[in-house]
Amino acid sequence: MPLITLDQLLDCLEVRESRPGVWTAPSLEMDYPRVFGGQLLAQAVALGAATTEGKTVKSLSCLFPREARRTEPLEFDVELTQTGRTFAVRRIRASQQHKTVFVALLSMHVPEPGTAPEFEHQDPAPEAGRPGEAVDADLNMIPFQTRVVDGTDLRARQRGPADFAFWTRVSDRRLPDDPTVHQALLAHATDLTVVGTVLRPVEGISQADAGERLHTAVTSHTMWFHRPFRIDEWCLVAQHSPTLAGGRGFGHGHAYSGGELVASFGQECMIRPVASD
């Protein structure tokens, strides 16, 4: 079963300004020492919305320079870098004990009505079948429904293609219409499975070996939102890793809702074998 609940994740989006320019928010309660990177991505989305009016996140580019400890409070410094009529920029720095653990640069945008059809295009969504044809899976840090295309198991140690896709949605309730909630929950979900996707072509090892045979950590994550969507309706997350080299893996992906491309993301991660005695 998931290590966290949806209510806990939604509580983390309740950011609060403790003094001018400085914000706080709770961390997920779980039996794990580090703050999950997806939580910080979701909180960056919430902070962008809380410090602008009438705008949603267009893109966010995030760095994880130091491990964040779950048992220590987080403090977010938010710089109102630029605010215009349709665009805004926010710079976020999260710290613990005066040490930076997370940095994010957000571009905000006033939602614009759909343009004429001739001014829109996208690559078609990948062939992934229907959600009912995928296999129910527990992705532990995603506290809502997930179904994996073709039943791929990222913990399996057999070599496979560097691809992974899953369907996901919040199925136990109707979420608020606020787009911030939907963007934040999707951002959270995109942080979990890139490392496992990067490792699929490596024979005899998988993300199940993290912490024992491997040192792994996400170093950067960038995400772009293209169209409105709802995470309480089925979204397909399809990702691919083109390379693993020099102790760093890279993966990118796209999210689709109703066949429409709604978001894209890229992630770099550190992957190092543990030195044997």
C-alpha atoms as a PDB file:
ATOM      1  CA  MET A   1       0.000   0.000   0.000  1.00  0.00           C
ATOM      2  CA  PRO A   2       1.191   3.614  -0.485  1.00  0.00           C
ATOM      3  CA  LEU A   3       3.562   4.958   2.159  1.00  0.00           C
ATOM      4  CA  ILE A   4       1.529   8.161   2.413  1.00  0.00           C
ATOM      5  CA  THR A   5      -2.096   9.199   2.071  1.00  0.00           C
ATOM      6  CA  LEU A   6      -3.640  11.683  -0.316  1.00  0.00           C
ATOM      7  CA  ASP A   7      -4.822  13.782   2.618  1.00  0.00           C
ATOM      8  CA  GLN A   8      -1.229  14.038   3.881  1.00  0.00           C
ATOM      9  CA  LEU A   9      -0.034  15.141   0.454  1.00  0.00           C
ATOM     10  CA  LEU A  10      -2.799  17.736   0.152  1.00  0.00           C
ATOM     11  CA  ASP A  11      -1.885  19.032   3.623  1.00  0.00           C
ATOM     12  CA  CYS A  12       1.652  19.661   2.341  1.00  0.00           C
ATOM     13  CA  LEU A  13       0.219  22.103  -0.203  1.00  0.00           C
ATOM     14  CA  GLU A  14      -1.055  24.331   2.612  1.00  0.00           C
ATOM     15  CA  VAL A  15       1.855  26.778   2.455  1.00  0.00           C
ATOM     16  CA  ARG A  16       1.885  29.642   4.980  1.00  0.00           C
ATOM     17  CA  GLU A  17       3.815  32.913   5.019  1.00  0.00           C
ATOM     18  CA  SER A  18       5.525  33.084   8.427  1.00  0.00           C
ATOM     19  CA  ARG A  19       7.115  36.490   7.759  1.00  0.00           C
ATOM     20  CA  PRO A  20       7.458  38.654   4.640  1.00  0.00           C
ATOM     21  CA  GLY A  21       8.948  36.569   1.834  1.00  0.00           C
ATOM     22  CA  VAL A  22       9.421  33.465   3.982  1.00  0.00           C
ATOM     23  CA  TRP A  23       7.017  30.534   3.869  1.00  0.00           C
ATOM     24  CA  THR A  24       6.618  27.234   5.687  1.00  0.00           C
ATOM     25  CA  ALA A  25       4.810  23.991   4.915  1.00  0.00           C
ATOM     26  CA  PRO A  26       4.658  20.540   6.539  1.00  0.00           C
ATOM     27  CA  SER A  27       6.546  17.501   5.294  1.00  0.00           C
ATOM     28  CA  LEU A  28       5.028  14.104   4.636  1.00  0.00           C
ATOM     29  CA  GLU A  29       4.877  11.839   7.668  1.00  0.00           C
ATOM     30  CA  MET A  30       6.451   8.507   6.764  1.00  0.00           C
ATOM     31  CA  ASP A  31       9.037   5.978   7.894  1.00  0.00           C
ATOM     32  CA  TYR A  32      11.837   7.405   5.752  1.00  0.00           C
ATOM     33  CA  PRO A  33      14.575   9.886   6.750  1.00  0.00           C
ATOM     34  CA  ARG A  34      14.643  12.023   3.579  1.00  0.00           C
ATOM     35  CA  VAL A  35      12.064  14.434   2.218  1.00  0.00           C
ATOM     36  CA  PHE A  36      10.653  12.990  -0.997  1.00  0.00           C
ATOM     37  CA  GLY A  37      11.555  15.192  -3.953  1.00  0.00           C
ATOM     38  CA  GLY A  38       8.030  15.005  -5.330  1.00  0.00           C
ATOM     39  CA  GLN A  39       6.782  16.738  -2.192  1.00  0.00           C
ATOM     40  CA  LEU A  40       9.118  19.683  -2.879  1.00  0.00           C
ATOM     41  CA  LEU A  41       8.015  19.857  -6.517  1.00  0.00           C
ATOM     42  CA  ALA A  42       4.382  19.974  -5.409  1.00  0.00           C
ATOM     43  CA  GLN A  43       5.131  22.631  -2.802  1.00  0.00           C
ATOM     44  CA  ALA A  44       6.961  24.756  -5.388  1.00  0.00           C
ATOM     45  CA  VAL A  45       3.779  24.723  -7.499  1.00  0.00           C
ATOM     46  CA  ALA A  46       1.743  25.753  -4.451  1.00  0.00           C
ATOM     47  CA  LEU A  47       4.162  28.567  -3.599  1.00  0.00           C
ATOM     48  CA  GLY A  48       4.074  29.881  -7.164  1.00  0.00           C
ATOM     49  CA  ALA A  49       0.283  30.074  -7.028  1.00  0.00           C
ATOM     50  CA  ALA A  50       0.260  31.579  -3.529  1.00  0.00           C
ATOM     51  CA  THR A  51       2.555  34.443  -4.548  1.00  0.00           C
ATOM     52  CA  THR A  52       0.843  35.392  -7.826  1.00  0.00           C
ATOM     53  CA  GLU A  53      -2.732  36.270  -8.653  1.00  0.00           C
ATOM     54  CA  GLY A  54      -4.671  34.787 -11.560  1.00  0.00           C
ATOM     55  CA  LYS A  55      -1.672  32.828 -12.856  1.00  0.00           C
ATOM     56  CA  THR A  56      -0.742  29.142 -12.984  1.00  0.00           C
ATOM     57  CA  VAL A  57       2.628  27.460 -13.335  1.00  0.00           C
ATOM     58  CA  LYS A  58       3.903  27.365 -16.911  1.00  0.00           C
ATOM     59  CA  SER A  59       7.220  25.722 -16.053  1.00  0.00           C
ATOM     60  CA  LEU A  60       9.442  24.944 -13.098  1.00  0.00           C
ATOM     61  CA  SER A  61      13.122  24.080 -13.032  1.00  0.00           C
ATOM     62  CA  CYS A  62      14.371  22.584  -9.770  1.00  0.00           C
ATOM     63  CA  LEU A  63      17.697  21.559  -8.226  1.00  0.00           C
ATOM     64  CA  PHE A  64      18.249  19.308  -5.207  1.00  0.00           C
ATOM     65  CA  PRO A  65      21.740  20.316  -3.990  1.00  0.00           C
ATOM     66  CA  ARG A  66      21.510  18.642  -0.591  1.00  0.00           C
ATOM     67  CA  GLU A  67      19.450  15.945   1.072  1.00  0.00           C
ATOM     68  CA  ALA A  68      16.494  17.341   2.999  1.00  0.00           C
ATOM     69  CA  ARG A  69      15.726  15.665   6.321  1.00  0.00           C
ATOM     70  CA  ARG A  70      12.109  14.826   7.021  1.00  0.00           C
ATOM     71  CA  THR A  71      12.385  15.491  10.764  1.00  0.00           C
ATOM     72  CA  GLU A  72      13.672  19.063  10.349  1.00  0.00           C
ATOM     73  CA  PRO A  73      11.414  22.016   9.441  1.00  0.00           C
ATOM     74  CA  LEU A  74      11.594  23.491   5.944  1.00  0.00           C
ATOM     75  CA  GLU A  75      11.778  27.212   5.322  1.00  0.00           C
ATOM     76  CA  PHE A  76      11.049  28.601   1.846  1.00  0.00           C
ATOM     77  CA  ASP A  77      12.401  31.973   0.731  1.00  0.00           C
ATOM     78  CA  VAL A  78      10.350  33.233  -2.214  1.00  0.00           C
ATOM     79  CA  GLU A  79      11.747  36.025  -4.397  1.00  0.00           C
ATOM     80  CA  LEU A  80       9.181  37.913  -6.487  1.00  0.00           C
ATOM     81  CA  THR A  81      11.632  38.226  -9.361  1.00  0.00           C
ATOM     82  CA  GLN A  82       9.226  39.676 -11.932  1.00  0.00           C
ATOM     83  CA  THR A  83       5.483  40.231 -12.167  1.00  0.00           C
ATOM     84  CA  GLY A  84       3.791  41.276 -15.402  1.00  0.00           C
ATOM     85  CA  ARG A  85       0.268  41.283 -16.727  1.00  0.00           C
ATOM     86  CA  THR A  86       0.453  37.775 -18.240  1.00  0.00           C
ATOM     87  CA  PHE A  87       3.772  36.338 -17.008  1.00  0.00           C
ATOM     88  CA  ALA A  88       5.602  36.247 -13.681  1.00  0.00           C
ATOM     89  CA  VAL A  89       8.815  34.712 -12.339  1.00  0.00           C
ATOM     90  CA  ARG A  90       9.333  33.347  -8.844  1.00  0.00           C
ATOM     91  CA  ARG A  91      12.593  32.069  -7.355  1.00  0.00           C
ATOM     92  CA  ILE A  92      12.293  29.664  -4.410  1.00  0.00           C
ATOM     93  CA  ARG A  93      14.991  28.467  -2.034  1.00  0.00           C
ATOM     94  CA  ALA A  94      14.229  25.874   0.635  1.00  0.00           C
ATOM     95  CA  SER A  95      16.617  25.535   3.550  1.00  0.00           C
ATOM     96  CA  GLN A  96      17.140  23.574   6.739  1.00  0.00           C
ATOM     97  CA  GLN A  97      19.439  24.945   9.436  1.00  0.00           C
ATOM     98  CA  HIS A  98      20.495  27.703   7.000  1.00  0.00           C
ATOM     99  CA  LYS A  99      21.649  25.153   4.392  1.00  0.00           C
ATOM    100  CA  THR A 100      20.032  25.092   0.941  1.00  0.00           C
ATOM    101  CA  VAL A 101      18.266  21.825   0.141  1.00  0.00           C
ATOM    102  CA  PHE A 102      16.133  22.870  -2.838  1.00  0.00           C
ATOM    103  CA  VAL A 103      16.111  25.633  -5.435  1.00  0.00           C
ATOM    104  CA  ALA A 104      13.336  26.288  -7.963  1.00  0.00           C
ATOM    105  CA  LEU A 105      12.718  28.830 -10.702  1.00  0.00           C
ATOM    106  CA  LEU A 106       9.060  29.100 -11.710  1.00  0.00           C
ATOM    107  CA  SER A 107       7.493  30.784 -14.710  1.00  0.00           C
ATOM    108  CA  MET A 108       3.852  31.697 -14.174  1.00  0.00           C
ATOM    109  CA  HIS A 109       1.288  32.502 -16.867  1.00  0.00           C
ATOM    110  CA  VAL A 110      -2.278  33.756 -17.027  1.00  0.00           C
ATOM    111  CA  PRO A 111      -4.342  30.942 -18.623  1.00  0.00           C
ATOM    112  CA  GLU A 112      -5.307  31.972 -22.144  1.00  0.00           C
ATOM    113  CA  PRO A 113      -8.376  30.727 -24.026  1.00  0.00           C
ATOM    114  CA  GLY A 114      -7.822  28.124 -26.729  1.00  0.00           C
ATOM    115  CA  THR A 115      -6.518  29.543 -29.967  1.00  0.00           C
ATOM    116  CA  ALA A 116      -7.745  28.648 -33.429  1.00  0.00           C
ATOM    117  CA  PRO A 117      -7.144  24.958 -34.264  1.00  0.00           C
ATOM    118  CA  GLU A 118      -4.548  25.860 -36.887  1.00  0.00           C
ATOM    119  CA  PHE A 119      -2.404  27.321 -34.096  1.00  0.00           C
ATOM    120  CA  GLU A 120      -2.204  24.075 -32.134  1.00  0.00           C
ATOM    121  CA  HIS A 121      -0.428  20.784 -32.743  1.00  0.00           C
ATOM    122  CA  GLN A 122       1.127  17.930 -30.771  1.00  0.00           C
ATOM    123  CA  ASP A 123       2.695  14.540 -31.287  1.00  0.00           C
ATOM    124  CA  PRO A 124       0.134  11.773 -30.860  1.00  0.00           C
ATOM    125  CA  ALA A 125      -0.084  10.014 -27.529  1.00  0.00           C
ATOM    126  CA  PRO A 126       1.815   6.704 -27.425  1.00  0.00           C
ATOM    127  CA  GLU A 127       0.006   3.422 -27.889  1.00  0.00           C
ATOM    128  CA  ALA A 128      -0.676   2.397 -24.294  1.00  0.00           C
ATOM    129  CA  GLY A 129      -4.025   0.680 -24.461  1.00  0.00           C
ATOM    130  CA  ARG A 130      -6.766   1.686 -22.056  1.00  0.00           C
ATOM    131  CA  PRO A 131      -6.432   2.117 -18.280  1.00  0.00           C
ATOM    132  CA  GLY A 132      -8.529  -1.003 -17.710  1.00  0.00           C
ATOM    133  CA  GLU A 133      -5.979  -3.059 -19.678  1.00  0.00           C
ATOM    134  CA  ALA A 134      -3.059  -1.949 -17.494  1.00  0.00           C
ATOM    135  CA  VAL A 135      -2.014  -3.694 -14.286  1.00  0.00           C
ATOM    136  CA  ASP A 136      -2.863  -2.295 -10.863  1.00  0.00           C
ATOM    137  CA  ALA A 137       0.363  -1.401  -9.076  1.00  0.00           C
ATOM    138  CA  ASP A 138       1.445   0.057  -5.768  1.00  0.00           C
ATOM    139  CA  LEU A 139       3.950   2.822  -6.572  1.00  0.00           C
ATOM    140  CA  ASN A 140       4.254   3.515  -2.813  1.00  0.00           C
ATOM    141  CA  MET A 141       4.780   7.309  -2.957  1.00  0.00           C
ATOM    142  CA  ILE A 142       1.816   7.995  -5.239  1.00  0.00           C
ATOM    143  CA  PRO A 143      -1.230   7.938  -2.933  1.00  0.00           C
ATOM    144  CA  PHE A 144      -3.808   7.537  -5.666  1.00  0.00           C
ATOM    145  CA  GLN A 145      -4.712   4.941  -8.281  1.00  0.00           C
ATOM    146  CA  THR A 146      -1.902   3.713 -10.553  1.00  0.00           C
ATOM    147  CA  ARG A 147      -1.993   1.112 -13.327  1.00  0.00           C
ATOM    148  CA  VAL A 148       1.220   0.132 -15.108  1.00  0.00           C
ATOM    149  CA  VAL A 149       1.202  -0.421 -18.853  1.00  0.00           C
ATOM    150  CA  ASP A 150       2.193  -4.032 -19.697  1.00  0.00           C
ATOM    151  CA  GLY A 151       2.705  -4.732 -15.990  1.00  0.00           C
ATOM    152  CA  THR A 152       6.348  -3.603 -16.098  1.00  0.00           C
ATOM    153  CA  ASP A 153       8.039  -4.053 -12.714  1.00  0.00           C
ATOM    154  CA  LEU A 154      10.821  -1.522 -12.086  1.00  0.00           C
ATOM    155  CA  ARG A 155      12.128  -3.731  -9.280  1.00  0.00           C
ATOM    156  CA  ALA A 156      12.831  -6.620 -11.669  1.00  0.00           C
ATOM    157  CA  ARG A 157      16.538  -7.137 -12.376  1.00  0.00           C
ATOM    158  CA  GLN A 158      16.219  -8.464 -15.913  1.00  0.00           C
ATOM    159  CA  ARG A 159      17.402  -6.175 -18.699  1.00  0.00           C
ATOM    160  CA  GLY A 160      14.601  -4.330 -20.503  1.00  0.00           C
ATOM    161  CA  PRO A 161      14.013  -1.269 -22.663  1.00  0.00           C
ATOM    162  CA  ALA A 162      14.504   2.116 -21.013  1.00  0.00           C
ATOM    163  CA  ASP A 163      10.777   2.867 -21.103  1.00  0.00           C
ATOM    164  CA  PHE A 164       8.010   2.930 -18.515  1.00  0.00           C
ATOM    165  CA  ALA A 165       4.390   4.095 -18.629  1.00  0.00           C
ATOM    166  CA  PHE A 166       1.567   4.172 -16.140  1.00  0.00           C
ATOM    167  CA  TRP A 167      -1.975   5.478 -15.858  1.00  0.00           C
ATOM    168  CA  THR A 168      -2.903   7.441 -12.759  1.00  0.00           C
ATOM    169  CA  ARG A 169      -5.854   9.305 -11.255  1.00  0.00           C
ATOM    170  CA  VAL A 170      -7.376  10.316  -7.951  1.00  0.00           C
ATOM    171  CA  SER A 171     -10.382   8.013  -7.817  1.00  0.00           C
ATOM    172  CA  ASP A 172     -11.727   8.336  -4.268  1.00  0.00           C
ATOM    173  CA  ARG A 173     -12.974  11.941  -4.507  1.00  0.00           C
ATOM    174  CA  ARG A 174     -13.598  14.886  -6.767  1.00  0.00           C
ATOM    175  CA  LEU A 175     -10.828  17.411  -6.304  1.00  0.00           C
ATOM    176  CA  PRO A 176     -11.306  21.197  -6.251  1.00  0.00           C
ATOM    177  CA  ASP A 177     -11.296  22.974  -9.613  1.00  0.00           C
ATOM    178  CA  ASP A 178      -8.174  24.923  -8.618  1.00  0.00           C
ATOM    179  CA  PRO A 179      -5.555  23.992 -11.277  1.00  0.00           C
ATOM    180  CA  THR A 180      -2.793  24.341  -8.683  1.00  0.00           C
ATOM    181  CA  VAL A 181      -3.934  21.138  -6.954  1.00  0.00           C
ATOM    182  CA  HIS A 182      -3.883  19.142 -10.190  1.00  0.00           C
ATOM    183  CA  GLN A 183      -0.502  20.504 -11.287  1.00  0.00           C
ATOM    184  CA  ALA A 184       1.026  19.858  -7.860  1.00  0.00           C
ATOM    185  CA  LEU A 185      -0.188  16.246  -7.640  1.00  0.00           C
ATOM    186  CA  LEU A 186       1.043  15.447 -11.149  1.00  0.00           C
ATOM    187  CA  ALA A 187       4.416  17.059 -10.436  1.00  0.00           C
ATOM    188  CA  HIS A 188       4.695  14.912  -7.303  1.00  0.00           C
ATOM    189  CA  ALA A 189       3.948  11.758  -9.314  1.00  0.00           C
ATOM    190  CA  THR A 190       6.578  12.453 -11.995  1.00  0.00           C
ATOM    191  CA  ASP A 191       9.441  12.329  -9.493  1.00  0.00           C
ATOM    192  CA  LEU A 192       9.130   8.674  -8.525  1.00  0.00           C
ATOM    193  CA  THR A 193       9.944   6.331 -11.425  1.00  0.00           C
ATOM    194  CA  VAL A 194      12.634   7.952 -13.581  1.00  0.00           C
ATOM    195  CA  VAL A 195      15.529   6.303 -11.696  1.00  0.00           C
ATOM    196  CA  GLY A 196      13.955   2.884 -12.221  1.00  0.00           C
ATOM    197  CA  THR A 197      13.435   3.640 -15.902  1.00  0.00           C
ATOM    198  CA  VAL A 198      17.093   4.660 -16.290  1.00  0.00           C
ATOM    199  CA  LEU A 199      18.190   1.349 -14.732  1.00  0.00           C
ATOM    200  CA  ARG A 200      16.025  -0.949 -16.870  1.00  0.00           C
ATOM    201  CA  PRO A 201      18.729  -1.652 -19.509  1.00  0.00           C
ATOM    202  CA  VAL A 202      21.262  -2.614 -16.799  1.00  0.00           C
ATOM    203  CA  GLU A 203      21.344  -6.394 -16.352  1.00  0.00           C
ATOM    204  CA  GLY A 204      21.116  -7.742 -12.815  1.00  0.00           C
ATOM    205  CA  ILE A 205      20.279  -4.507 -11.036  1.00  0.00           C
ATOM    206  CA  SER A 206      17.224  -2.308 -10.523  1.00  0.00           C
ATOM    207  CA  GLN A 207      15.811   0.453  -8.355  1.00  0.00           C
ATOM    208  CA  ALA A 208      15.236  -2.239  -5.709  1.00  0.00           C
ATOM    209  CA  ASP A 209      19.006  -2.089  -5.093  1.00  0.00           C
ATOM    210  CA  ALA A 210      19.001   1.599  -4.139  1.00  0.00           C
ATOM    211  CA  GLY A 211      20.617   2.046  -0.743  1.00  0.00           C
ATOM    212  CA  GLU A 212      22.408  -1.304  -0.815  1.00  0.00           C
ATOM    213  CA  ARG A 213      24.182  -1.809  -4.147  1.00  0.00           C
ATOM    214  CA  LEU A 214      23.503   1.680  -5.471  1.00  0.00           C
ATOM    215  CA  HIS A 215      23.640   5.283  -4.325  1.00  0.00           C
ATOM    216  CA  THR A 216      20.816   7.161  -6.057  1.00  0.00           C
ATOM    217  CA  ALA A 217      19.495  10.691  -5.764  1.00  0.00           C
ATOM    218  CA  VAL A 218      17.605  13.106  -7.980  1.00  0.00           C
ATOM    219  CA  THR A 219      19.777  16.126  -8.796  1.00  0.00           C
ATOM    220  CA  SER A 220      17.433  18.163 -11.015  1.00  0.00           C
ATOM    221  CA  HIS A 221      13.871  18.080 -12.315  1.00  0.00           C
ATOM    222  CA  THR A 222      12.226  20.347 -14.876  1.00  0.00           C
ATOM    223  CA  MET A 223       8.570  20.366 -15.853  1.00  0.00           C
ATOM    224  CA  TRP A 224       6.391  22.213 -18.353  1.00  0.00           C
ATOM    225  CA  PHE A 225       2.594  22.427 -18.288  1.00  0.00           C
ATOM    226  CA  HIS A 226       0.994  22.772 -21.728  1.00  0.00           C
ATOM    227  CA  ARG A 227      -2.770  22.449 -21.272  1.00  0.00           C
ATOM    228  CA  PRO A 228      -5.314  22.336 -18.435  1.00  0.00           C
ATOM    229  CA  PHE A 229      -6.117  18.872 -17.048  1.00  0.00           C
ATOM    230  CA  ARG A 230      -7.594  17.124 -14.050  1.00  0.00           C
ATOM    231  CA  ILE A 231      -5.685  14.525 -12.043  1.00  0.00           C
ATOM    232  CA  ASP A 232      -9.014  13.064 -10.875  1.00  0.00           C
ATOM    233  CA  GLU A 233      -9.413  11.884 -14.473  1.00  0.00           C
ATOM    234  CA  TRP A 234      -7.083   9.338 -16.069  1.00  0.00           C
ATOM    235  CA  CYS A 235      -3.643  10.651 -17.021  1.00  0.00           C
ATOM    236  CA  LEU A 236      -1.049   8.619 -18.872  1.00  0.00           C
ATOM    237  CA  VAL A 237       2.582   9.220 -17.833  1.00  0.00           C
ATOM    238  CA  ALA A 238       5.033   7.811 -20.416  1.00  0.00           C
ATOM    239  CA  GLN A 239       8.769   8.154 -19.932  1.00  0.00           C
ATOM    240  CA  HIS A 240      12.058   7.139 -21.572  1.00  0.00           C
ATOM    241  CA  SER A 241      15.721   7.268 -20.599  1.00  0.00           C
ATOM    242  CA  PRO A 242      18.118   7.950 -23.498  1.00  0.00           C
ATOM    243  CA  THR A 243      21.340   7.700 -21.468  1.00  0.00           C
ATOM    244  CA  LEU A 244      23.168   6.631 -18.310  1.00  0.00           C
ATOM    245  CA  ALA A 245      26.800   7.771 -18.166  1.00  0.00           C
ATOM    246  CA  GLY A 246      29.382   9.206 -15.787  1.00  0.00           C
ATOM    247  CA  GLY A 247      27.374   8.373 -12.693  1.00  0.00           C
ATOM    248  CA  ARG A 248      24.386  10.353 -13.990  1.00  0.00           C
ATOM    249  CA  GLY A 249      21.168   9.115 -15.555  1.00  0.00           C
ATOM    250  CA  PHE A 250      18.688  11.134 -17.549  1.00  0.00           C
ATOM    251  CA  GLY A 251      15.035  10.497 -18.304  1.00  0.00           C
ATOM    252  CA  HIS A 252      12.218  12.487 -19.815  1.00  0.00           C
ATOM    253  CA  GLY A 253       8.491  11.976 -20.142  1.00  0.00           C
ATOM    254  CA  HIS A 254       5.130  13.303 -21.158  1.00  0.00           C
ATOM    255  CA  ALA A 255       1.715  13.261 -19.492  1.00  0.00           C
ATOM    256  CA  TYR A 256      -1.500  12.914 -21.497  1.00  0.00           C
ATOM    257  CA  SER A 257      -5.136  13.366 -20.551  1.00  0.00           C
ATOM    258  CA  GLY A 258      -7.849  12.369 -22.997  1.00  0.00           C
ATOM    259  CA  GLY A 259      -5.146  11.992 -25.635  1.00  0.00           C
ATOM    260  CA  GLU A 260      -3.989  15.591 -25.176  1.00  0.00           C
ATOM    261  CA  LEU A 261      -0.401  16.357 -24.201  1.00  0.00           C
ATOM    262  CA  VAL A 262      -0.788  18.249 -20.906  1.00  0.00           C
ATOM    263  CA  ALA A 263       2.728  18.251 -19.443  1.00  0.00           C
ATOM    264  CA  SER A 264       6.343  17.277 -20.139  1.00  0.00           C
ATOM    265  CA  PHE A 265       9.250  16.724 -17.762  1.00  0.00           C
ATOM    266  CA  GLY A 266      12.929  15.860 -17.602  1.00  0.00           C
ATOM    267  CA  GLN A 267      15.010  14.565 -14.715  1.00  0.00           C
ATOM    268  CA  GLU A 268      18.696  14.000 -14.027  1.00  0.00           C
ATOM    269  CA  CYS A 269      19.695  11.624 -11.244  1.00  0.00           C
ATOM    270  CA  MET A 270      22.896  10.482  -9.614  1.00  0.00           C
ATOM    271  CA  ILE A 271      23.429   6.699  -9.875  1.00  0.00           C
ATOM    272  CA  ARG A 272      26.630   5.218  -8.435  1.00  0.00           C
ATOM    273  CA  PRO A 273      27.477   1.623  -7.523  1.00  0.00           C
ATOM    274  CA  VAL A 274      28.351   1.110  -3.878  1.00  0.00           C
ATOM    275  CA  ALA A 275      32.041   0.275  -3.580  1.00  0.00           C
ATOM    276  CA  SER A 276      32.586  -3.324  -2.506  1.00  0.00           C
ATOM    277  CA  ASP A 277      34.885  -4.116   0.409  1.00  0.00           C
END
